[in-house]
Amino acid sequence: MAHRTARIASLGRSEHSQELAHIKASLPAYLRAIGHEPNMNGNGAKLTALCPLHADTKPSFTGTLNGECWRWYCFPCGKGGTVIDLHAWRTDRDPRRDFLAVCNEVAALLNFPPFSRDGYDRPARPALPPKPKEIRPSMNLDTLYHLTSPWRSALGQSTALKAQVAAELGFKPETINNLTTPCFDALGIAPAGFQVPLKSGTTKPLKAPCLAYIYEGAYKLRSPWGNSGSRFLMIGRPCRPWRSFWLLRQHPPISDVHVVESESSAIAVMEAGFEAAFERGSCVVAAPGASGFKPEWASLFAGF
């Protein structure tokens, strides 16, 4: 049965190959049918005509018979191909996407038998089921706190390290100092040799110290510290945007919130003085990326 089906499909393709060859041999007849009488020369193997694709006053359209297929080219247009391409472009279609419809229109214009879809179209590939999106769980808060406390301390207690990070990021050491808090939504330094957990279940040691943006429920490593060619790796799933803990502050209440994309942008906005009025209720909050803002976080900003 399979062999018989394959043979029927093969015969269908063969018939269409003959129909297609018939159409590709019809360029002179097509030009006559649309009112562009060709000048035949070279014993009928070459032609010239006014181009149907642009306002042509001097014949710039040339055609050459190659076996049984006519191929054409227009120098002013910079286009060429078979009669199928010509008709597609004349009618503002795509020769490939609208191939079957274009062939049938040429066939109808020249009184050729129409193409049938049977045996011509390839069967559609079955749609693959959508791949389930992997959702990483948030890290246990106690585990995360104990893991990252030394990272925050290393940066907060070293004036030299703070100055180095500030210089490479292009900010003032005071700005970095304001972000080395003892809680989440802070900056820290993950040391060289730290075993970073991977999706495969294995770990990989850091070759050099990395800047760490510490969220509630996750941490994000940045290597190198500078702005050039930085690579980022998020471990865990943030419970809320970076620095959004300030939204819960009651005294003084927050009334002016600046939401930006990425932690680096948040630091830059702080550096520019947008939190100078912090005591009057201003703060900067960062989403972990362009598509990193979770719908459930919107409620945090209600009323601001």
C-alpha atoms as a PDB file:
ATOM      1  CA  MET A   1       0.000   0.000   0.000  1.00  0.00           C
ATOM      2  CA  ALA A   2       2.839   2.366   0.896  1.00  0.00           C
ATOM      3  CA  HIS A   3       4.547   1.683  -2.465  1.00  0.00           C
ATOM      4  CA  ARG A   4       1.307   2.293  -4.349  1.00  0.00           C
ATOM      5  CA  THR A   5       0.721   5.585  -2.517  1.00  0.00           C
ATOM      6  CA  ALA A   6       4.269   6.698  -3.255  1.00  0.00           C
ATOM      7  CA  ARG A   7       3.795   5.830  -6.935  1.00  0.00           C
ATOM      8  CA  ILE A   8       0.544   7.845  -7.139  1.00  0.00           C
ATOM      9  CA  ALA A   9       2.261  10.836  -5.534  1.00  0.00           C
ATOM     10  CA  SER A  10       5.178  10.439  -7.956  1.00  0.00           C
ATOM     11  CA  LEU A  11       2.816  10.396 -10.944  1.00  0.00           C
ATOM     12  CA  GLY A  12       1.123  13.515  -9.597  1.00  0.00           C
ATOM     13  CA  ARG A  13       4.439  15.315  -9.361  1.00  0.00           C
ATOM     14  CA  SER A  14       5.339  14.158 -12.884  1.00  0.00           C
ATOM     15  CA  GLU A  15       2.128  15.574 -14.303  1.00  0.00           C
ATOM     16  CA  HIS A  16       2.722  18.862 -12.555  1.00  0.00           C
ATOM     17  CA  SER A  17       6.296  18.945 -13.824  1.00  0.00           C
ATOM     18  CA  GLN A  18       4.939  18.748 -17.370  1.00  0.00           C
ATOM     19  CA  GLU A  19       2.362  21.463 -16.681  1.00  0.00           C
ATOM     20  CA  LEU A  20       5.048  23.636 -15.112  1.00  0.00           C
ATOM     21  CA  ALA A  21       7.395  23.125 -18.062  1.00  0.00           C
ATOM     22  CA  HIS A  22       4.536  24.111 -20.391  1.00  0.00           C
ATOM     23  CA  ILE A  23       4.027  27.355 -18.470  1.00  0.00           C
ATOM     24  CA  LYS A  24       7.746  28.172 -18.338  1.00  0.00           C
ATOM     25  CA  ALA A  25       7.888  27.769 -22.124  1.00  0.00           C
ATOM     26  CA  SER A  26       5.087  30.319 -22.632  1.00  0.00           C
ATOM     27  CA  LEU A  27       6.888  33.651 -22.129  1.00  0.00           C
ATOM     28  CA  PRO A  28       6.328  34.925 -25.717  1.00  0.00           C
ATOM     29  CA  ALA A  29       2.621  33.997 -25.582  1.00  0.00           C
ATOM     30  CA  TYR A  30       2.281  35.626 -22.154  1.00  0.00           C
ATOM     31  CA  LEU A  31       3.829  38.888 -23.389  1.00  0.00           C
ATOM     32  CA  ARG A  32       1.426  38.958 -26.334  1.00  0.00           C
ATOM     33  CA  ALA A  33      -1.535  38.268 -24.036  1.00  0.00           C
ATOM     34  CA  ILE A  34      -0.732  41.304 -21.841  1.00  0.00           C
ATOM     35  CA  GLY A  35      -0.123  43.617 -24.819  1.00  0.00           C
ATOM     36  CA  HIS A  36       3.687  43.577 -24.920  1.00  0.00           C
ATOM     37  CA  GLU A  37       4.376  42.075 -28.350  1.00  0.00           C
ATOM     38  CA  PRO A  38       7.896  40.609 -28.290  1.00  0.00           C
ATOM     39  CA  ASN A  39      10.452  41.015 -31.058  1.00  0.00           C
ATOM     40  CA  MET A  40      11.726  37.521 -31.811  1.00  0.00           C
ATOM     41  CA  ASN A  41      15.244  36.974 -33.091  1.00  0.00           C
ATOM     42  CA  GLY A  42      18.047  34.458 -32.921  1.00  0.00           C
ATOM     43  CA  ASN A  43      15.951  31.866 -34.782  1.00  0.00           C
ATOM     44  CA  GLY A  44      13.210  32.280 -32.196  1.00  0.00           C
ATOM     45  CA  ALA A  45      15.489  31.609 -29.209  1.00  0.00           C
ATOM     46  CA  LYS A  46      15.772  35.240 -28.098  1.00  0.00           C
ATOM     47  CA  LEU A  47      13.362  38.139 -27.695  1.00  0.00           C
ATOM     48  CA  THR A  48      13.149  41.768 -26.661  1.00  0.00           C
ATOM     49  CA  ALA A  49      10.093  43.719 -25.488  1.00  0.00           C
ATOM     50  CA  LEU A  50       8.919  46.700 -23.519  1.00  0.00           C
ATOM     51  CA  CYS A  51       9.185  45.740 -19.858  1.00  0.00           C
ATOM     52  CA  PRO A  52       5.803  45.090 -18.189  1.00  0.00           C
ATOM     53  CA  LEU A  53       7.222  46.055 -14.783  1.00  0.00           C
ATOM     54  CA  HIS A  54       8.011  49.713 -15.421  1.00  0.00           C
ATOM     55  CA  ALA A  55       7.204  52.571 -17.805  1.00  0.00           C
ATOM     56  CA  ASP A  56       9.460  51.454 -20.639  1.00  0.00           C
ATOM     57  CA  THR A  57       9.858  53.455 -23.870  1.00  0.00           C
ATOM     58  CA  LYS A  58      12.845  51.594 -25.274  1.00  0.00           C
ATOM     59  CA  PRO A  59      12.756  47.776 -25.140  1.00  0.00           C
ATOM     60  CA  SER A  60      14.861  46.826 -22.138  1.00  0.00           C
ATOM     61  CA  PHE A  61      13.254  43.444 -21.475  1.00  0.00           C
ATOM     62  CA  THR A  62      15.228  40.511 -22.918  1.00  0.00           C
ATOM     63  CA  GLY A  63      14.458  36.817 -22.964  1.00  0.00           C
ATOM     64  CA  THR A  64      16.466  33.720 -23.839  1.00  0.00           C
ATOM     65  CA  LEU A  65      15.196  30.209 -24.469  1.00  0.00           C
ATOM     66  CA  ASN A  66      17.169  27.714 -22.391  1.00  0.00           C
ATOM     67  CA  GLY A  67      16.066  24.241 -23.451  1.00  0.00           C
ATOM     68  CA  GLU A  68      12.287  24.518 -23.124  1.00  0.00           C
ATOM     69  CA  CYS A  69      12.312  27.247 -20.489  1.00  0.00           C
ATOM     70  CA  TRP A  70      12.280  30.961 -21.261  1.00  0.00           C
ATOM     71  CA  ARG A  71      14.224  33.136 -18.849  1.00  0.00           C
ATOM     72  CA  TRP A  72      14.045  36.915 -18.941  1.00  0.00           C
ATOM     73  CA  TYR A  73      15.897  39.885 -17.477  1.00  0.00           C
ATOM     74  CA  CYS A  74      15.256  43.638 -17.336  1.00  0.00           C
ATOM     75  CA  PHE A  75      18.317  45.794 -16.742  1.00  0.00           C
ATOM     76  CA  PRO A  76      16.524  48.939 -15.439  1.00  0.00           C
ATOM     77  CA  CYS A  77      14.450  46.826 -13.026  1.00  0.00           C
ATOM     78  CA  GLY A  78      17.346  44.610 -12.024  1.00  0.00           C
ATOM     79  CA  LYS A  79      14.971  41.645 -12.023  1.00  0.00           C
ATOM     80  CA  GLY A  80      14.703  38.401 -13.921  1.00  0.00           C
ATOM     81  CA  GLY A  81      13.402  34.863 -13.823  1.00  0.00           C
ATOM     82  CA  THR A  82      10.668  32.866 -15.511  1.00  0.00           C
ATOM     83  CA  VAL A  83       7.189  33.894 -16.634  1.00  0.00           C
ATOM     84  CA  ILE A  84       5.997  32.870 -13.152  1.00  0.00           C
ATOM     85  CA  ASP A  85       8.225  35.501 -11.519  1.00  0.00           C
ATOM     86  CA  LEU A  86       7.124  38.068 -14.099  1.00  0.00           C
ATOM     87  CA  HIS A  87       3.420  37.565 -13.435  1.00  0.00           C
ATOM     88  CA  ALA A  88       3.942  37.511  -9.663  1.00  0.00           C
ATOM     89  CA  TRP A  89       5.745  40.858  -9.681  1.00  0.00           C
ATOM     90  CA  ARG A  90       3.240  42.352 -12.151  1.00  0.00           C
ATOM     91  CA  THR A  91       0.452  41.543  -9.699  1.00  0.00           C
ATOM     92  CA  ASP A  92       2.372  42.467  -6.520  1.00  0.00           C
ATOM     93  CA  ARG A  93       2.741  38.920  -5.212  1.00  0.00           C
ATOM     94  CA  ASP A  94       5.561  36.813  -3.911  1.00  0.00           C
ATOM     95  CA  PRO A  95       6.715  34.241  -6.516  1.00  0.00           C
ATOM     96  CA  ARG A  96       7.341  31.615  -3.848  1.00  0.00           C
ATOM     97  CA  ARG A  97       4.610  32.217  -1.324  1.00  0.00           C
ATOM     98  CA  ASP A  98       1.909  32.632  -4.032  1.00  0.00           C
ATOM     99  CA  PHE A  99       3.444  30.154  -6.467  1.00  0.00           C
ATOM    100  CA  LEU A 100       0.394  27.944  -7.058  1.00  0.00           C
ATOM    101  CA  ALA A 101      -2.021  30.874  -7.478  1.00  0.00           C
ATOM    102  CA  VAL A 102       0.349  32.626  -9.894  1.00  0.00           C
ATOM    103  CA  CYS A 103       0.779  29.475 -12.005  1.00  0.00           C
ATOM    104  CA  ASN A 104      -2.993  29.057 -12.246  1.00  0.00           C
ATOM    105  CA  GLU A 105      -3.457  32.688 -13.298  1.00  0.00           C
ATOM    106  CA  VAL A 106      -0.866  32.334 -16.056  1.00  0.00           C
ATOM    107  CA  ALA A 107      -2.513  29.078 -17.144  1.00  0.00           C
ATOM    108  CA  ALA A 108      -5.959  30.738 -17.240  1.00  0.00           C
ATOM    109  CA  LEU A 109      -4.614  33.689 -19.229  1.00  0.00           C
ATOM    110  CA  LEU A 110      -3.152  31.353 -21.846  1.00  0.00           C
ATOM    111  CA  ASN A 111      -6.025  28.815 -21.811  1.00  0.00           C
ATOM    112  CA  PHE A 112      -3.861  26.082 -20.295  1.00  0.00           C
ATOM    113  CA  PRO A 113      -5.325  23.428 -17.975  1.00  0.00           C
ATOM    114  CA  PRO A 114      -5.359  24.654 -14.372  1.00  0.00           C
ATOM    115  CA  PHE A 115      -3.097  23.227 -11.709  1.00  0.00           C
ATOM    116  CA  SER A 116      -4.892  21.004  -9.211  1.00  0.00           C
ATOM    117  CA  ARG A 117      -3.748  20.892  -5.599  1.00  0.00           C
ATOM    118  CA  ASP A 118      -3.803  17.069  -5.485  1.00  0.00           C
ATOM    119  CA  GLY A 119      -0.309  15.661  -5.642  1.00  0.00           C
ATOM    120  CA  TYR A 120       1.229  19.119  -5.700  1.00  0.00           C
ATOM    121  CA  ASP A 121       1.156  20.530  -2.204  1.00  0.00           C
ATOM    122  CA  ARG A 122       3.367  18.873   0.341  1.00  0.00           C
ATOM    123  CA  PRO A 123       1.463  17.592   3.356  1.00  0.00           C
ATOM    124  CA  ALA A 124       1.648  19.960   6.290  1.00  0.00           C
ATOM    125  CA  ARG A 125       3.956  18.870   9.046  1.00  0.00           C
ATOM    126  CA  PRO A 126       2.118  17.963  12.219  1.00  0.00           C
ATOM    127  CA  ALA A 127       2.311  20.722  14.791  1.00  0.00           C
ATOM    128  CA  LEU A 128       4.612  19.899  17.656  1.00  0.00           C
ATOM    129  CA  PRO A 129       3.187  20.350  21.136  1.00  0.00           C
ATOM    130  CA  PRO A 130       4.454  23.528  22.822  1.00  0.00           C
ATOM    131  CA  LYS A 131       7.485  23.014  24.964  1.00  0.00           C
ATOM    132  CA  PRO A 132       6.600  23.564  28.600  1.00  0.00           C
ATOM    133  CA  LYS A 133       8.266  26.693  29.933  1.00  0.00           C
ATOM    134  CA  GLU A 134      10.664  25.934  32.732  1.00  0.00           C
ATOM    135  CA  ILE A 135       9.881  27.961  35.850  1.00  0.00           C
ATOM    136  CA  ARG A 136      12.759  28.099  38.280  1.00  0.00           C
ATOM    137  CA  PRO A 137      11.696  28.091  41.924  1.00  0.00           C
ATOM    138  CA  SER A 138      12.703  30.893  44.253  1.00  0.00           C
ATOM    139  CA  MET A 139      15.589  30.076  46.565  1.00  0.00           C
ATOM    140  CA  ASN A 140      14.911  29.400  50.226  1.00  0.00           C
ATOM    141  CA  LEU A 141      15.292  32.800  51.923  1.00  0.00           C
ATOM    142  CA  ASP A 142      17.338  31.517  54.878  1.00  0.00           C
ATOM    143  CA  THR A 143      19.707  29.657  52.560  1.00  0.00           C
ATOM    144  CA  LEU A 144      20.002  32.678  50.291  1.00  0.00           C
ATOM    145  CA  TYR A 145      20.632  35.036  53.213  1.00  0.00           C
ATOM    146  CA  HIS A 146      23.439  32.904  54.682  1.00  0.00           C
ATOM    147  CA  LEU A 147      24.967  32.328  51.242  1.00  0.00           C
ATOM    148  CA  THR A 148      25.072  35.989  50.267  1.00  0.00           C
ATOM    149  CA  SER A 149      25.905  37.583  53.659  1.00  0.00           C
ATOM    150  CA  PRO A 150      29.669  37.090  53.111  1.00  0.00           C
ATOM    151  CA  TRP A 151      29.283  38.587  49.607  1.00  0.00           C
ATOM    152  CA  ARG A 152      27.676  41.738  50.981  1.00  0.00           C
ATOM    153  CA  SER A 153      30.224  41.979  53.785  1.00  0.00           C
ATOM    154  CA  ALA A 154      33.192  41.600  51.410  1.00  0.00           C
ATOM    155  CA  LEU A 155      32.030  44.597  49.395  1.00  0.00           C
ATOM    156  CA  GLY A 156      30.711  46.685  52.278  1.00  0.00           C
ATOM    157  CA  GLN A 157      33.847  46.338  54.443  1.00  0.00           C
ATOM    158  CA  SER A 158      36.499  46.851  51.780  1.00  0.00           C
ATOM    159  CA  THR A 159      37.033  50.461  50.717  1.00  0.00           C
ATOM    160  CA  ALA A 160      39.470  49.374  48.000  1.00  0.00           C
ATOM    161  CA  LEU A 161      37.078  46.790  46.545  1.00  0.00           C
ATOM    162  CA  LYS A 162      34.218  49.279  46.664  1.00  0.00           C
ATOM    163  CA  ALA A 163      36.327  51.850  44.798  1.00  0.00           C
ATOM    164  CA  GLN A 164      37.334  49.233  42.204  1.00  0.00           C
ATOM    165  CA  VAL A 165      33.730  48.202  41.524  1.00  0.00           C
ATOM    166  CA  ALA A 166      32.606  51.838  41.397  1.00  0.00           C
ATOM    167  CA  ALA A 167      35.368  52.724  38.920  1.00  0.00           C
ATOM    168  CA  GLU A 168      34.609  49.799  36.610  1.00  0.00           C
ATOM    169  CA  LEU A 169      30.862  50.492  36.673  1.00  0.00           C
ATOM    170  CA  GLY A 170      31.427  54.235  36.284  1.00  0.00           C
ATOM    171  CA  PHE A 171      29.719  55.276  39.549  1.00  0.00           C
ATOM    172  CA  LYS A 172      30.748  56.962  42.785  1.00  0.00           C
ATOM    173  CA  PRO A 173      31.862  54.765  45.705  1.00  0.00           C
ATOM    174  CA  GLU A 174      29.111  56.427  47.782  1.00  0.00           C
ATOM    175  CA  THR A 175      26.486  55.048  45.394  1.00  0.00           C
ATOM    176  CA  ILE A 176      27.913  51.529  45.711  1.00  0.00           C
ATOM    177  CA  ASN A 177      28.068  51.972  49.486  1.00  0.00           C
ATOM    178  CA  ASN A 178      24.330  52.719  49.576  1.00  0.00           C
ATOM    179  CA  LEU A 179      23.679  49.344  47.940  1.00  0.00           C
ATOM    180  CA  THR A 180      25.699  47.157  50.328  1.00  0.00           C
ATOM    181  CA  THR A 181      22.813  46.711  52.741  1.00  0.00           C
ATOM    182  CA  PRO A 182      22.559  43.763  55.180  1.00  0.00           C
ATOM    183  CA  CYS A 183      19.285  42.635  53.575  1.00  0.00           C
ATOM    184  CA  PHE A 184      18.108  41.548  50.136  1.00  0.00           C
ATOM    185  CA  ASP A 185      18.035  44.032  47.219  1.00  0.00           C
ATOM    186  CA  ALA A 186      21.750  44.604  47.720  1.00  0.00           C
ATOM    187  CA  LEU A 187      25.113  44.320  45.985  1.00  0.00           C
ATOM    188  CA  GLY A 188      27.782  41.791  46.808  1.00  0.00           C
ATOM    189  CA  ILE A 189      30.855  40.033  45.420  1.00  0.00           C
ATOM    190  CA  ALA A 190      30.703  36.293  44.708  1.00  0.00           C
ATOM    191  CA  PRO A 191      34.282  34.996  45.144  1.00  0.00           C
ATOM    192  CA  ALA A 192      36.364  33.091  42.612  1.00  0.00           C
ATOM    193  CA  GLY A 193      35.866  29.350  43.000  1.00  0.00           C
ATOM    194  CA  PHE A 194      32.223  29.668  44.068  1.00  0.00           C
ATOM    195  CA  GLN A 195      30.308  26.690  42.665  1.00  0.00           C
ATOM    196  CA  VAL A 196      27.490  28.107  40.524  1.00  0.00           C
ATOM    197  CA  PRO A 197      24.555  25.676  40.145  1.00  0.00           C
ATOM    198  CA  LEU A 198      23.580  24.971  36.525  1.00  0.00           C
ATOM    199  CA  LYS A 199      20.278  23.853  34.981  1.00  0.00           C
ATOM    200  CA  SER A 200      21.816  20.442  34.286  1.00  0.00           C
ATOM    201  CA  GLY A 201      22.106  19.825  38.025  1.00  0.00           C
ATOM    202  CA  THR A 202      25.879  20.185  38.000  1.00  0.00           C
ATOM    203  CA  THR A 203      27.969  23.122  39.214  1.00  0.00           C
ATOM    204  CA  LYS A 204      30.670  25.267  37.663  1.00  0.00           C
ATOM    205  CA  PRO A 205      33.288  27.253  39.616  1.00  0.00           C
ATOM    206  CA  LEU A 206      33.681  30.976  39.017  1.00  0.00           C
ATOM    207  CA  LYS A 207      37.037  31.751  37.398  1.00  0.00           C
ATOM    208  CA  ALA A 208      37.057  35.274  38.811  1.00  0.00           C
ATOM    209  CA  PRO A 209      35.027  37.268  41.349  1.00  0.00           C
ATOM    210  CA  CYS A 210      31.601  38.368  40.058  1.00  0.00           C
ATOM    211  CA  LEU A 211      29.341  41.229  40.996  1.00  0.00           C
ATOM    212  CA  ALA A 212      26.128  39.849  42.506  1.00  0.00           C
ATOM    213  CA  TYR A 213      22.733  41.561  42.485  1.00  0.00           C
ATOM    214  CA  ILE A 214      20.931  39.967  45.431  1.00  0.00           C
ATOM    215  CA  TYR A 215      17.149  39.673  45.160  1.00  0.00           C
ATOM    216  CA  GLU A 216      14.632  38.180  47.542  1.00  0.00           C
ATOM    217  CA  GLY A 217      14.499  34.612  46.217  1.00  0.00           C
ATOM    218  CA  ALA A 218      17.387  34.826  43.726  1.00  0.00           C
ATOM    219  CA  TYR A 219      20.779  36.255  42.920  1.00  0.00           C
ATOM    220  CA  LYS A 220      22.123  37.453  39.592  1.00  0.00           C
ATOM    221  CA  LEU A 221      25.816  37.226  38.751  1.00  0.00           C
ATOM    222  CA  ARG A 222      27.505  39.736  36.463  1.00  0.00           C
ATOM    223  CA  SER A 223      30.887  39.066  34.890  1.00  0.00           C
ATOM    224  CA  PRO A 224      32.968  41.104  34.295  1.00  0.00           C
ATOM    225  CA  TRP A 225      32.047  44.054  36.516  1.00  0.00           C
ATOM    226  CA  GLY A 226      32.572  46.610  33.756  1.00  0.00           C
ATOM    227  CA  ASN A 227      30.085  47.623  31.076  1.00  0.00           C
ATOM    228  CA  SER A 228      31.847  45.936  28.144  1.00  0.00           C
ATOM    229  CA  GLY A 229      30.774  42.403  27.152  1.00  0.00           C
ATOM    230  CA  SER A 230      29.005  41.681  30.428  1.00  0.00           C
ATOM    231  CA  ARG A 231      27.413  38.257  30.955  1.00  0.00           C
ATOM    232  CA  PHE A 232      24.549  37.669  33.382  1.00  0.00           C
ATOM    233  CA  LEU A 233      23.300  34.541  35.124  1.00  0.00           C
ATOM    234  CA  MET A 234      20.184  34.455  37.322  1.00  0.00           C
ATOM    235  CA  ILE A 235      20.029  31.732  39.960  1.00  0.00           C
ATOM    236  CA  GLY A 236      16.584  31.162  41.474  1.00  0.00           C
ATOM    237  CA  ARG A 237      13.424  33.189  40.801  1.00  0.00           C
ATOM    238  CA  PRO A 238      13.014  36.741  42.150  1.00  0.00           C
ATOM    239  CA  CYS A 239      10.031  37.166  44.462  1.00  0.00           C
ATOM    240  CA  ARG A 240       9.781  40.849  43.549  1.00  0.00           C
ATOM    241  CA  PRO A 241      11.703  43.563  41.644  1.00  0.00           C
ATOM    242  CA  TRP A 242      15.111  44.668  42.884  1.00  0.00           C
ATOM    243  CA  ARG A 243      14.917  47.339  45.641  1.00  0.00           C
ATOM    244  CA  SER A 244      11.121  47.107  45.791  1.00  0.00           C
ATOM    245  CA  PHE A 245      11.346  46.504  49.549  1.00  0.00           C
ATOM    246  CA  TRP A 246      11.419  50.316  49.866  1.00  0.00           C
ATOM    247  CA  LEU A 247       7.830  50.389  48.610  1.00  0.00           C
ATOM    248  CA  LEU A 248       6.784  48.947  51.978  1.00  0.00           C
ATOM    249  CA  ARG A 249       8.371  51.790  53.901  1.00  0.00           C
ATOM    250  CA  GLN A 250       5.917  53.679  56.065  1.00  0.00           C
ATOM    251  CA  HIS A 251       7.977  56.593  57.430  1.00  0.00           C
ATOM    252  CA  PRO A 252       8.196  58.599  55.325  1.00  0.00           C
ATOM    253  CA  PRO A 253       5.823  56.890  52.893  1.00  0.00           C
ATOM    254  CA  ILE A 254       7.037  56.381  49.330  1.00  0.00           C
ATOM    255  CA  SER A 255       5.184  58.524  46.804  1.00  0.00           C
ATOM    256  CA  ASP A 256       7.644  58.836  43.893  1.00  0.00           C
ATOM    257  CA  VAL A 257       8.742  55.523  42.278  1.00  0.00           C
ATOM    258  CA  HIS A 258      11.106  55.204  39.294  1.00  0.00           C
ATOM    259  CA  VAL A 259      10.840  51.749  37.663  1.00  0.00           C
ATOM    260  CA  VAL A 260      13.679  50.904  35.245  1.00  0.00           C
ATOM    261  CA  GLU A 261      14.989  47.903  33.319  1.00  0.00           C
ATOM    262  CA  SER A 262      18.037  46.189  34.834  1.00  0.00           C
ATOM    263  CA  GLU A 263      19.989  46.737  38.006  1.00  0.00           C
ATOM    264  CA  SER A 264      22.683  48.767  36.235  1.00  0.00           C
ATOM    265  CA  SER A 265      20.038  51.245  35.073  1.00  0.00           C
ATOM    266  CA  ALA A 266      18.746  51.538  38.629  1.00  0.00           C
ATOM    267  CA  ILE A 267      22.227  52.376  39.907  1.00  0.00           C
ATOM    268  CA  ALA A 268      22.674  54.932  37.114  1.00  0.00           C
ATOM    269  CA  VAL A 269      19.355  56.602  37.999  1.00  0.00           C
ATOM    270  CA  MET A 270      20.380  56.700  41.655  1.00  0.00           C
ATOM    271  CA  GLU A 271      23.739  58.174  40.612  1.00  0.00           C
ATOM    272  CA  ALA A 272      21.878  60.888  38.685  1.00  0.00           C
ATOM    273  CA  GLY A 273      20.200  62.016  41.896  1.00  0.00           C
ATOM    274  CA  PHE A 274      16.717  60.556  41.510  1.00  0.00           C
ATOM    275  CA  GLU A 275      16.870  59.319  45.105  1.00  0.00           C
ATOM    276  CA  ALA A 276      18.202  62.592  46.487  1.00  0.00           C
ATOM    277  CA  ALA A 277      14.663  63.214  47.662  1.00  0.00           C
ATOM    278  CA  PHE A 278      14.494  59.787  49.295  1.00  0.00           C
ATOM    279  CA  GLU A 279      13.592  61.267  52.674  1.00  0.00           C
ATOM    280  CA  ARG A 280      10.670  62.942  50.927  1.00  0.00           C
ATOM    281  CA  GLY A 281       9.463  59.617  49.532  1.00  0.00           C
ATOM    282  CA  SER A 282      11.419  58.836  46.294  1.00  0.00           C
ATOM    283  CA  CYS A 283      12.972  55.495  45.321  1.00  0.00           C
ATOM    284  CA  VAL A 284      14.294  53.565  42.305  1.00  0.00           C
ATOM    285  CA  VAL A 285      13.129  50.006  41.516  1.00  0.00           C
ATOM    286  CA  ALA A 286      14.533  47.656  38.840  1.00  0.00           C
ATOM    287  CA  ALA A 287      13.062  44.758  36.885  1.00  0.00           C
ATOM    288  CA  PRO A 288      15.654  42.043  36.140  1.00  0.00           C
ATOM    289  CA  GLY A 289      15.372  42.585  32.362  1.00  0.00           C
ATOM    290  CA  ALA A 290      13.169  43.723  29.484  1.00  0.00           C
ATOM    291  CA  SER A 291      10.871  40.709  29.866  1.00  0.00           C
ATOM    292  CA  GLY A 292      11.574  40.024  33.520  1.00  0.00           C
ATOM    293  CA  PHE A 293       8.674  41.941  35.078  1.00  0.00           C
ATOM    294  CA  LYS A 294       6.129  39.427  36.399  1.00  0.00           C
ATOM    295  CA  PRO A 295       2.397  40.215  36.155  1.00  0.00           C
ATOM    296  CA  GLU A 296       1.949  39.429  39.842  1.00  0.00           C
ATOM    297  CA  TRP A 297       4.346  42.258  40.737  1.00  0.00           C
ATOM    298  CA  ALA A 298       1.942  44.928  39.502  1.00  0.00           C
ATOM    299  CA  SER A 299       0.071  44.917  42.811  1.00  0.00           C
ATOM    300  CA  LEU A 300       3.241  46.191  44.546  1.00  0.00           C
ATOM    301  CA  PHE A 301       2.858  49.482  42.695  1.00  0.00           C
ATOM    302  CA  ALA A 302      -0.841  50.023  43.381  1.00  0.00           C
ATOM    303  CA  GLY A 303      -1.437  53.555  44.607  1.00  0.00           C
ATOM    304  CA  PHE A 304       1.875  55.030  43.435  1.00  0.00           C
END
